[in-house]
Protein backbone atom coordinates (compact mmCIF):
# COMPACT_ATOMS: atom_id res chain seq x y z
CA UNK A 1 -2.96 -7.65 18.42
CA UNK A 2 -0.94 -9.56 16.08
CA UNK A 3 1.71 -11.71 17.17
CA UNK A 4 5.34 -10.61 17.72
CA UNK A 5 6.70 -14.14 17.31
CA UNK A 6 7.22 -16.65 14.75
CA UNK A 7 6.86 -20.21 15.60
CA UNK A 8 6.71 -21.89 12.17
CA UNK A 9 9.87 -23.96 11.62
CA UNK A 10 9.98 -24.98 8.03
CA UNK A 11 7.33 -25.00 5.17
CA UNK A 12 5.75 -28.11 3.68
CA UNK A 13 6.47 -27.66 0.18
CA UNK A 14 4.72 -29.34 -2.67
CA UNK A 15 1.93 -30.28 -0.45
CA UNK A 16 -1.69 -29.32 -0.56
CA UNK A 17 -3.08 -29.59 2.80
CA UNK A 18 -6.81 -29.14 3.86
CA UNK A 19 -7.59 -27.14 6.88
CA UNK A 20 -10.51 -28.42 9.07
CA UNK A 21 -13.90 -27.16 7.82
CA UNK A 22 -14.55 -23.60 9.13
CA UNK A 23 -11.24 -23.41 10.78
CA UNK A 24 -11.29 -20.44 12.93
CA UNK A 25 -13.96 -18.65 10.73
CA UNK A 26 -14.61 -16.03 13.50
CA UNK A 27 -11.08 -15.18 13.55
CA UNK A 28 -10.91 -14.85 9.60
CA UNK A 29 -13.45 -11.81 9.97
CA UNK A 30 -12.13 -10.39 13.41
CA UNK A 31 -8.29 -10.77 13.05
CA UNK A 32 -7.73 -11.76 9.33
CA UNK A 33 -3.93 -11.25 9.28
CA UNK A 34 -3.34 -13.39 12.33
CA UNK A 35 -5.74 -15.87 10.87
CA UNK A 36 -3.62 -16.17 7.62
CA UNK A 37 -0.67 -16.58 9.83
CA UNK A 38 -2.36 -19.60 11.67
CA UNK A 39 -2.85 -20.96 8.29
CA UNK A 40 0.76 -21.08 7.43
CA UNK A 41 2.14 -21.80 10.69
CA UNK A 42 -0.10 -24.75 11.11
CA UNK A 43 -0.67 -26.24 7.69
CA UNK A 44 2.22 -25.00 5.48
CA UNK A 45 2.45 -23.07 2.41
CA UNK A 46 -0.40 -24.41 0.18
CA UNK A 47 -3.87 -24.85 2.03
CA UNK A 48 -7.38 -25.45 1.01
CA UNK A 49 -9.71 -23.57 3.32
CA UNK A 50 -13.22 -24.26 3.17
CA UNK A 51 -15.89 -22.27 4.85
CA UNK A 52 -18.34 -19.30 4.52
CA UNK A 53 -15.80 -17.90 2.09
CA UNK A 54 -13.69 -20.65 0.64
CA UNK A 55 -10.07 -20.26 -1.05
CA UNK A 56 -6.66 -21.74 -1.69
CA UNK A 57 -4.09 -20.02 0.49
CA UNK A 58 -0.66 -19.81 -0.83
CA UNK A 59 2.57 -18.56 1.12
CA UNK A 60 6.06 -19.45 -0.87
CA UNK A 61 7.21 -17.43 -3.38
CA UNK A 62 7.13 -19.88 -6.42
CA UNK A 63 3.41 -19.86 -5.94
CA UNK A 64 2.94 -16.47 -5.58
CA UNK A 65 4.92 -15.67 -8.92
CA UNK A 66 2.98 -18.20 -10.69
CA UNK A 67 -0.27 -16.33 -9.81
CA UNK A 68 1.20 -12.76 -10.35
CA UNK A 69 3.19 -13.39 -13.37
CA UNK A 70 0.07 -15.33 -14.86
CA UNK A 71 -2.52 -12.63 -14.06
CA UNK A 72 -4.36 -11.63 -16.81
CA UNK A 73 -3.89 -14.92 -18.83
CA UNK A 74 -4.65 -17.72 -16.25
CA UNK A 75 -5.70 -15.44 -13.20
CA UNK A 76 -7.89 -12.48 -12.96
CA UNK A 77 -9.39 -10.09 -10.36
CA UNK A 78 -12.93 -11.65 -10.73
CA UNK A 79 -13.33 -12.57 -6.90
CA UNK A 80 -15.92 -11.70 -4.40
CA UNK A 81 -13.33 -9.26 -2.59
CA UNK A 82 -12.42 -7.41 -5.87
CA UNK A 83 -16.23 -7.03 -6.63
CA UNK A 84 -16.68 -5.16 -3.46
CA UNK A 85 -13.72 -2.86 -4.75
CA UNK A 86 -15.69 -2.51 -7.92
CA UNK A 87 -18.51 -0.78 -6.33
CA UNK A 88 -16.20 2.04 -5.33
CA UNK A 89 -13.44 2.16 -7.92
CA UNK A 90 -15.62 1.05 -10.92
CA UNK A 91 -13.43 -0.19 -13.74
CA UNK A 92 -10.38 1.75 -12.70
CA UNK A 93 -7.00 0.20 -13.29
CA UNK A 94 -7.49 -1.45 -9.90
CA UNK A 95 -10.17 -3.67 -10.89
CA UNK A 96 -10.36 -3.42 -14.67
CA UNK A 97 -9.79 -6.59 -16.55
CA UNK A 98 -9.22 -7.83 -20.23
CA UNK A 99 -8.81 -5.30 -23.16
CA UNK A 100 -10.30 -1.98 -20.78
CA UNK A 101 -7.48 -2.98 -18.52
CA UNK A 102 -4.68 -3.23 -21.33
CA UNK A 103 -6.07 0.26 -22.75
CA UNK A 104 -5.95 1.85 -19.47
CA UNK A 105 -2.46 0.69 -18.62
CA UNK A 106 -0.96 1.56 -21.90
CA UNK A 107 -2.56 5.06 -21.42
CA UNK A 108 -1.50 5.94 -18.06
CA UNK A 109 1.72 3.92 -17.61
CA UNK A 110 3.77 6.46 -19.11
CA UNK A 111 2.71 8.86 -16.47
CA UNK A 112 4.37 7.10 -13.68
CA UNK A 113 7.43 5.94 -15.67
CA UNK A 114 10.89 6.39 -13.53
CA UNK A 115 11.63 9.50 -15.43
CA UNK A 116 8.09 11.13 -15.50
CA UNK A 117 7.71 11.13 -11.80
CA UNK A 118 10.82 13.21 -11.33
CA UNK A 119 8.75 16.17 -12.30
CA UNK A 120 6.82 15.79 -8.83
CA UNK A 121 10.18 15.70 -6.81
CA UNK A 122 9.84 19.48 -5.84
CA UNK A 123 6.41 19.18 -4.60
CA UNK A 124 7.32 16.15 -2.43
CA UNK A 125 10.17 17.96 -0.91
CA UNK A 126 8.59 21.16 -0.25
CA UNK A 127 5.73 19.46 1.53
CA UNK A 128 8.11 17.37 3.57
CA UNK A 129 10.20 20.66 4.52
CA UNK A 130 6.98 22.49 5.54
CA UNK A 131 6.21 19.65 7.96
CA UNK A 132 9.72 19.63 9.28
CA UNK A 133 9.23 23.16 10.19
CA UNK A 134 5.90 22.41 12.02
CA UNK A 135 7.91 19.49 13.91
CA UNK A 136 10.29 22.44 15.12
CA UNK A 137 7.56 23.79 17.04
CA UNK A 138 6.58 20.46 18.36
CA UNK A 139 10.19 20.08 19.50
CA UNK A 140 10.65 23.23 21.22
CA UNK A 141 7.38 22.97 23.12
CA UNK A 142 7.59 19.16 23.80
CA UNK A 143 4.15 18.55 22.52
CA UNK A 144 3.10 14.91 22.12
CA UNK A 145 1.68 14.17 18.44
CA UNK A 146 0.60 11.33 16.33
CA UNK A 147 2.82 10.67 13.69
CA UNK A 148 0.37 8.56 11.82
CA UNK A 149 -1.89 11.56 11.55
CA UNK A 150 1.20 13.64 10.22
CA UNK A 151 1.90 11.25 7.83
CA UNK A 152 -1.72 10.96 6.61
CA UNK A 153 -1.71 14.67 6.43
CA UNK A 154 1.47 14.98 4.31
CA UNK A 155 0.99 12.10 1.85
CA UNK A 156 -2.77 13.50 1.31
CA UNK A 157 -1.20 16.91 0.63
CA UNK A 158 1.41 15.67 -2.00
CA UNK A 159 -1.38 13.60 -3.54
CA UNK A 160 -3.52 16.71 -3.74
CA UNK A 161 -0.68 19.06 -5.18
CA UNK A 162 0.42 16.19 -7.83
CA UNK A 163 -3.03 15.59 -8.96
CA UNK A 164 -4.27 19.13 -8.47
CA UNK A 165 -1.45 21.89 -8.55
CA UNK A 166 -3.40 23.76 -6.12
CA UNK A 167 -4.04 20.91 -3.82
CA UNK A 168 -7.23 20.01 -2.06
CA UNK A 169 -7.63 23.52 -0.41
CA UNK A 170 -10.58 23.49 1.93
CA UNK A 171 -11.72 19.97 1.38
CA UNK A 172 -8.67 18.26 2.74
CA UNK A 173 -10.53 17.06 5.83
CA UNK A 174 -13.49 15.88 3.73
CA UNK A 175 -10.85 13.90 1.55
CA UNK A 176 -9.37 12.27 4.49
CA UNK A 177 -12.88 11.12 5.91
CA UNK A 178 -14.09 9.99 2.68
CA UNK A 179 -11.09 7.87 2.16
CA UNK A 180 -11.42 6.41 5.58
CA UNK A 181 -15.03 5.34 4.76
CA UNK A 182 -14.02 3.94 1.49
CA UNK A 183 -11.47 1.95 3.39
CA UNK A 184 -13.80 0.64 5.98
CA UNK A 185 -16.14 -0.28 3.44
CA UNK A 186 -13.67 -2.09 1.12
CA UNK A 187 -12.26 -4.01 4.25
CA UNK A 188 -15.61 -5.42 5.27
CA UNK A 189 -16.05 -9.21 4.80
CA UNK A 190 -17.63 -10.11 1.23
CA UNK A 191 -21.14 -11.28 2.60
CA UNK A 192 -23.86 -12.13 0.10
CA UNK A 193 -26.64 -9.42 -0.32
CA UNK A 194 -25.11 -7.11 2.33
CA UNK A 195 -22.04 -6.43 -0.09
CA UNK A 196 -24.52 -4.85 -2.46
CA UNK A 197 -24.79 -1.29 -2.44
CA UNK A 198 -28.59 -1.09 -2.80
CA UNK A 199 -28.71 -2.94 0.70
CA UNK A 200 -29.69 -0.25 3.46
CA UNK A 201 -26.96 -1.18 5.86
CA UNK A 202 -25.56 1.83 7.68
CA UNK A 203 -21.89 1.08 5.99
CA UNK A 204 -23.51 1.06 2.84
CA UNK A 205 -25.93 4.36 3.36
CA UNK A 206 -22.65 6.42 4.38
CA UNK A 207 -20.57 4.96 1.32
CA UNK A 208 -23.06 5.99 -1.15
CA UNK A 209 -23.23 9.24 0.64
CA UNK A 210 -19.27 9.59 0.37
CA UNK A 211 -19.27 8.54 -3.16
CA UNK A 212 -21.80 11.20 -4.36
CA UNK A 213 -19.65 13.90 -2.56
CA UNK A 214 -16.44 12.51 -3.92
CA UNK A 215 -17.80 12.37 -7.38
CA UNK A 216 -19.12 15.99 -7.18
CA UNK A 217 -15.87 17.16 -6.13
CA UNK A 218 -13.90 15.43 -9.10
CA UNK A 219 -16.57 16.63 -11.55
CA UNK A 220 -15.83 19.99 -10.37
CA UNK A 221 -12.02 19.62 -10.60
CA UNK A 222 -12.28 18.01 -14.07
CA UNK A 223 -14.39 21.04 -15.63
CA UNK A 224 -12.17 23.56 -13.95
CA UNK A 225 -9.60 22.14 -15.86
CA UNK A 226 -11.27 21.86 -18.90
CA UNK A 227 -12.19 25.39 -19.05
CA UNK A 228 -8.87 27.13 -17.77
CA UNK A 229 -5.48 26.66 -18.47
CA UNK A 230 -3.11 26.29 -15.55
CA UNK A 231 0.26 24.75 -14.48
CA UNK A 232 0.75 21.00 -15.41
CA UNK A 233 -0.47 18.25 -12.81
CA UNK A 234 -1.63 14.77 -12.87
CA UNK A 235 -5.28 15.82 -13.83
CA UNK A 236 -4.40 17.88 -16.70
CA UNK A 237 -1.96 15.09 -18.09
CA UNK A 238 -4.70 12.45 -17.66
CA UNK A 239 -7.11 14.80 -19.19
CA UNK A 240 -5.02 15.29 -22.23
CA UNK A 241 -3.86 11.43 -22.38
CA UNK A 242 -5.25 9.54 -25.61
CA UNK A 243 -4.84 6.08 -26.34
CA UNK A 244 -3.65 4.44 -29.64
CA UNK A 245 -6.76 5.24 -31.44
CA UNK A 246 -6.44 8.68 -30.32
CA UNK A 247 -9.33 8.77 -27.75
CA UNK A 248 -9.26 10.56 -24.38
CA UNK A 249 -10.79 8.82 -21.50
CA UNK A 250 -14.35 9.39 -20.50
CA UNK A 251 -14.99 11.56 -17.69
CA UNK A 252 -16.58 8.95 -15.53
CA UNK A 253 -13.61 6.64 -16.13
CA UNK A 254 -11.22 9.63 -15.44
CA UNK A 255 -12.94 10.32 -12.12
CA UNK A 256 -12.50 6.63 -11.22
CA UNK A 257 -8.95 6.67 -12.04
CA UNK A 258 -8.16 9.79 -9.88
CA UNK A 259 -10.33 8.21 -7.02
CA UNK A 260 -8.01 5.20 -6.97
CA UNK A 261 -4.94 7.43 -7.00
CA UNK A 262 -6.07 9.45 -4.33
CA UNK A 263 -7.28 6.58 -2.05
CA UNK A 264 -4.65 3.78 -2.90
CA UNK A 265 -1.72 6.41 -3.19
CA UNK A 266 -1.61 8.51 0.04
CA UNK A 267 -3.02 6.03 2.33
CA UNK A 268 -0.34 3.12 1.29
CA UNK A 269 2.45 5.78 1.65
CA UNK A 270 1.07 6.97 4.85
CA UNK A 271 1.11 3.60 6.47
CA UNK A 272 4.64 2.83 5.43
CA UNK A 273 6.02 5.96 6.91
CA UNK A 274 4.18 5.56 10.21
CA UNK A 275 5.87 2.28 10.57
CA UNK A 276 9.06 3.36 9.55
CA UNK A 277 9.15 5.98 12.46
CA UNK A 278 7.73 3.47 14.65
CA UNK A 279 10.81 1.23 13.90
CA UNK A 280 13.35 3.79 14.15
CA UNK A 281 12.20 4.87 17.58
CA UNK A 282 12.35 1.08 18.60
CA UNK A 283 15.96 0.87 16.98
CA UNK A 284 18.28 3.68 17.83
CA UNK A 285 21.18 2.02 16.16
CA UNK A 286 19.49 1.94 12.80
CA UNK A 287 18.24 5.52 13.29
CA UNK A 288 22.20 6.27 14.09
CA UNK A 289 22.97 4.73 10.81
CA UNK A 290 20.46 6.65 8.96
CA UNK A 291 21.53 9.81 10.33
CA UNK A 292 25.25 9.00 9.22
CA UNK A 293 24.13 8.34 5.61
CA UNK A 294 22.20 11.63 5.68
CA UNK A 295 25.01 13.61 7.17
CA UNK A 296 27.51 12.13 4.61
CA UNK A 297 25.39 12.68 1.44
CA UNK A 298 23.34 15.89 2.08
CA UNK A 299 25.76 17.63 4.61
CA UNK A 300 22.86 19.40 6.32
CA UNK A 301 21.11 20.61 2.99
CA UNK A 302 17.96 19.61 1.52
CA UNK A 303 18.17 16.69 -0.82
CA UNK A 304 18.04 16.83 -4.26
CA UNK A 305 16.91 14.88 -7.19
CA UNK A 306 20.19 13.58 -7.78
CA UNK A 307 21.01 12.85 -4.07
CA UNK A 308 17.97 10.08 -4.23
CA UNK A 309 20.10 7.25 -5.80
CA UNK A 310 22.95 7.89 -3.28
CA UNK A 311 20.71 7.56 -0.21
CA UNK A 312 21.10 3.64 -0.27
CA UNK A 313 20.48 2.86 3.62
CA UNK A 314 17.48 5.17 3.49
CA UNK A 315 16.14 3.07 0.86
CA UNK A 316 16.85 0.01 2.39
CA UNK A 317 14.76 1.08 5.67
CA UNK A 318 11.98 1.72 3.04
CA UNK A 319 12.15 -1.86 2.00
CA UNK A 320 12.57 -3.50 5.37
CA UNK A 321 9.63 -1.31 6.53
CA UNK A 322 7.22 -2.58 3.61
CA UNK A 323 8.42 -6.05 4.33
CA UNK A 324 7.88 -6.16 8.08
CA UNK A 325 4.62 -3.91 7.85
CA UNK A 326 3.13 -4.26 4.14
CA UNK A 327 0.41 -1.56 3.99
CA UNK A 328 -1.72 -3.33 1.35
CA UNK A 329 -1.10 -6.67 2.94
CA UNK A 330 -3.61 -9.11 1.19
CA UNK A 331 -4.02 -10.28 -2.41
CA UNK A 332 -6.31 -12.43 -4.24
CA UNK A 333 -6.93 -13.74 -7.68
CA UNK A 334 -9.46 -16.00 -9.45
CA UNK A 335 -8.46 -19.01 -11.68
CA UNK A 336 -9.77 -18.63 -15.26
CA UNK A 337 -9.45 -22.24 -15.93
CA UNK A 338 -8.45 -25.30 -14.47
CA UNK A 339 -4.71 -24.56 -13.12
CA UNK A 340 -1.86 -26.90 -11.87
CA UNK A 341 -0.24 -25.60 -8.78
CA UNK A 342 2.53 -27.86 -7.19
CA UNK A 343 1.28 -30.81 -8.84
CA UNK A 344 -2.44 -30.34 -7.61
CA UNK A 345 -5.37 -29.25 -9.98
CA UNK A 346 -7.11 -26.15 -8.96
CA UNK A 347 -10.58 -26.01 -10.40
CA UNK A 348 -11.56 -22.81 -12.70
CA UNK A 349 -13.36 -20.35 -10.38
CA UNK A 350 -11.42 -20.87 -7.50
CA UNK A 351 -9.91 -18.02 -5.48
CA UNK A 352 -6.48 -18.07 -4.60
CA UNK A 353 -5.35 -15.65 -1.55
CA UNK A 354 -1.90 -14.95 0.02
CA UNK A 355 -1.07 -12.52 2.91
CA UNK A 356 2.02 -10.35 2.25
CA UNK A 357 2.22 -9.94 6.37
CA UNK A 358 2.89 -13.89 6.32
CA UNK A 359 4.90 -14.10 3.02
CA UNK A 360 7.24 -11.35 4.13
CA UNK A 361 7.81 -13.27 7.40
CA UNK A 362 8.51 -16.84 5.84
CA UNK A 363 11.36 -18.11 7.98
CA UNK A 364 12.97 -20.21 4.82
CA UNK A 365 13.69 -16.77 3.21
CA UNK A 366 14.14 -14.43 6.25
CA UNK A 367 16.31 -14.93 9.13
CA UNK A 368 14.80 -13.91 12.35
CA UNK A 369 11.87 -12.27 10.27
CA UNK A 370 10.43 -10.51 13.26
CA UNK A 371 13.59 -8.46 13.40
CA UNK A 372 13.77 -4.90 11.81
CA UNK A 373 17.04 -5.33 9.74
CA UNK A 374 17.35 -2.78 6.55
CA UNK A 375 20.50 -4.79 5.60
CA UNK A 376 18.66 -7.66 4.59
CA UNK A 377 18.32 -5.58 1.49
CA UNK A 378 22.13 -4.80 0.91
CA UNK A 379 22.10 -6.76 -2.56
CA UNK A 380 26.32 -6.78 -2.25
CA UNK A 381 25.86 -9.33 0.36
CA UNK A 382 25.59 -12.99 -0.87
CA UNK A 383 23.57 -14.00 2.16
CA UNK A 384 20.76 -11.66 0.75
CA UNK A 385 20.10 -13.51 -2.21
CA UNK A 386 16.52 -14.55 -2.39
CA UNK A 387 13.69 -15.17 -4.76
CA UNK A 388 12.35 -11.95 -5.97
CA UNK A 389 8.63 -13.00 -5.20
CA UNK A 390 9.60 -13.10 -1.39
CA UNK A 391 9.09 -9.47 -1.13
CA UNK A 392 6.22 -8.20 -3.06
CA UNK A 393 4.94 -4.95 -1.22
CA UNK A 394 3.98 -3.29 -4.89
CA UNK A 395 2.77 -6.83 -6.48
CA UNK A 396 4.65 -8.35 -9.50
CA UNK A 397 3.73 -9.34 -12.94
CA UNK A 398 1.70 -7.53 -15.54
CA UNK A 399 -0.25 -5.78 -12.61
CA UNK A 400 2.59 -4.58 -10.69
CA UNK A 401 1.33 -1.20 -8.67
CA UNK A 402 1.43 1.43 -11.48
CA UNK A 403 2.46 3.95 -8.86
CA UNK A 404 5.65 2.17 -7.48
CA UNK A 405 8.24 4.63 -8.86
CA UNK A 406 6.25 7.59 -7.53
CA UNK A 407 5.67 5.72 -3.90
CA UNK A 408 9.44 4.94 -3.60
CA UNK A 409 10.73 8.24 -4.36
CA UNK A 410 8.15 9.89 -2.02
CA UNK A 411 8.97 7.54 1.07
CA UNK A 412 12.84 8.21 0.33
CA UNK A 413 12.30 12.16 0.01
CA UNK A 414 10.08 12.23 3.06
CA UNK A 415 12.12 9.92 5.45
CA UNK A 416 15.26 11.97 4.34
CA UNK A 417 14.00 15.42 4.83
CA UNK A 418 12.30 14.82 8.15
CA UNK A 419 14.93 12.46 9.77
CA UNK A 420 17.72 15.09 8.79
CA UNK A 421 16.32 17.77 11.13
CA UNK A 422 14.36 15.48 13.63
CA UNK A 423 14.32 12.38 15.90
CA UNK A 424 11.27 11.12 17.22
CA UNK A 425 10.76 9.17 20.50
CA UNK A 426 7.93 7.06 21.50
CA UNK A 427 5.90 8.81 24.06
CA UNK A 428 4.77 6.79 27.18
CA UNK A 429 1.12 6.85 26.13
CA UNK A 430 1.76 5.12 23.06
CA UNK A 431 -0.11 1.82 22.68
CA UNK A 432 1.19 -0.55 20.05
CA UNK A 433 -1.77 -2.49 18.60
CA UNK A 434 -1.66 -3.50 14.78
CA UNK A 435 -5.10 -3.81 12.79
CA UNK A 436 -5.14 -5.36 9.43
CA UNK A 437 -8.18 -3.88 7.56
CA UNK A 438 -7.72 -2.83 3.85
CA UNK A 439 -4.37 -1.52 4.88
CA UNK A 440 -2.09 -2.69 7.82
CA UNK A 441 -1.79 0.12 10.35
CA UNK A 442 -1.26 1.05 14.05
CA UNK A 443 -4.71 1.12 15.51
CA UNK A 444 -4.11 4.08 17.74
CA UNK A 445 -1.40 5.66 15.68
CA UNK A 446 1.98 6.14 16.99
CA UNK A 447 2.22 8.70 19.77
CA UNK A 448 5.68 10.59 19.83
CA UNK A 449 7.69 13.57 20.66
CA UNK A 450 10.28 15.20 18.42
CA UNK A 451 13.78 16.43 19.40
CA UNK A 452 15.67 18.58 16.99
CA UNK A 453 19.08 17.37 15.67
């Protein structure tokens, strides 16, 4: 279980500290988020770690800004951890480098612009409203359910209906299982040899089987779109997209991009929503303020696209949840050349790592960092002025998450639609244990009962 307290007083700025050789090496593999928190608590914001996996750990907005803004020119993703991702996602946007990344980003970026993602609002709303209807049955029968499973099902349905207008249909359970296998593989320690897909470990054998099935499914969907006209969806838009030279993506590249959207998109949104419900259960005063805003803005009707900017407190809850519980919690980069950071020369080929879990709890930038307080994100209050790179749930710089606009709208729509109709209460059977793998999630989910409003 991760710690619920923060003991570090102030950071040691402008100083690089060497941690003892092999410091807490076992914890690094078993409790990675707690391990990085220990580094920050005991050694400060800039730490050199030496062990089986050596790296420089950073935990200050200035250093994080330097790395994220310098990505592509001074830093890249050629690390052992991203090499593991490449075994799954190939050279999709998540892992590509150089000219290929630039070409793919220019090709896909317009599809996820703030104005472009509005076309998927109706899909998000319809799926959320359908789940609200199902929760009505839970409320009437007072059944206990796992809201983590519900959010995973909901975001997976939205991913399916936006990518493929008719959704995943009869393969949604397989998609969920495939995603779980990919996340489990991606979160494993980057051990030599064992990480190579040809090595016959149980994890590798299972992943290889899943990748074959996933690719067969995606190839079938692509061929279906090529041979038949149908309603516009993301797959159709991606198929028709052409780069500056007038060339479309290859089918293999398209499969890798869609795979990244399915796995990365629904899983992170699902985790964020699960933590939102957990925190609302624990903080009834915040939940009450959310209900006040929903009543004032929506007056009992379903939200419209024009309502989204008006739901300011709802958005603050989303921001605070991604601060305290960042779904994709860990990041790392490779230095492309010798780099000066805080007056210290970091050699070419070094790995720079940071934990959003620790950064978002930095006591120099967050007062009582363990407290769930959405009003931290009320930008009209002077006390809330802080460095932009103190809160980076979607990253920053040129490689900021391409789906940020889609994700934020999805989270606000789902929260507003479900919270307007239902309150959730933690069931006595709930076990609060966090685990940090590829994403940070409640190990046993969150057991709740619903009450209609």
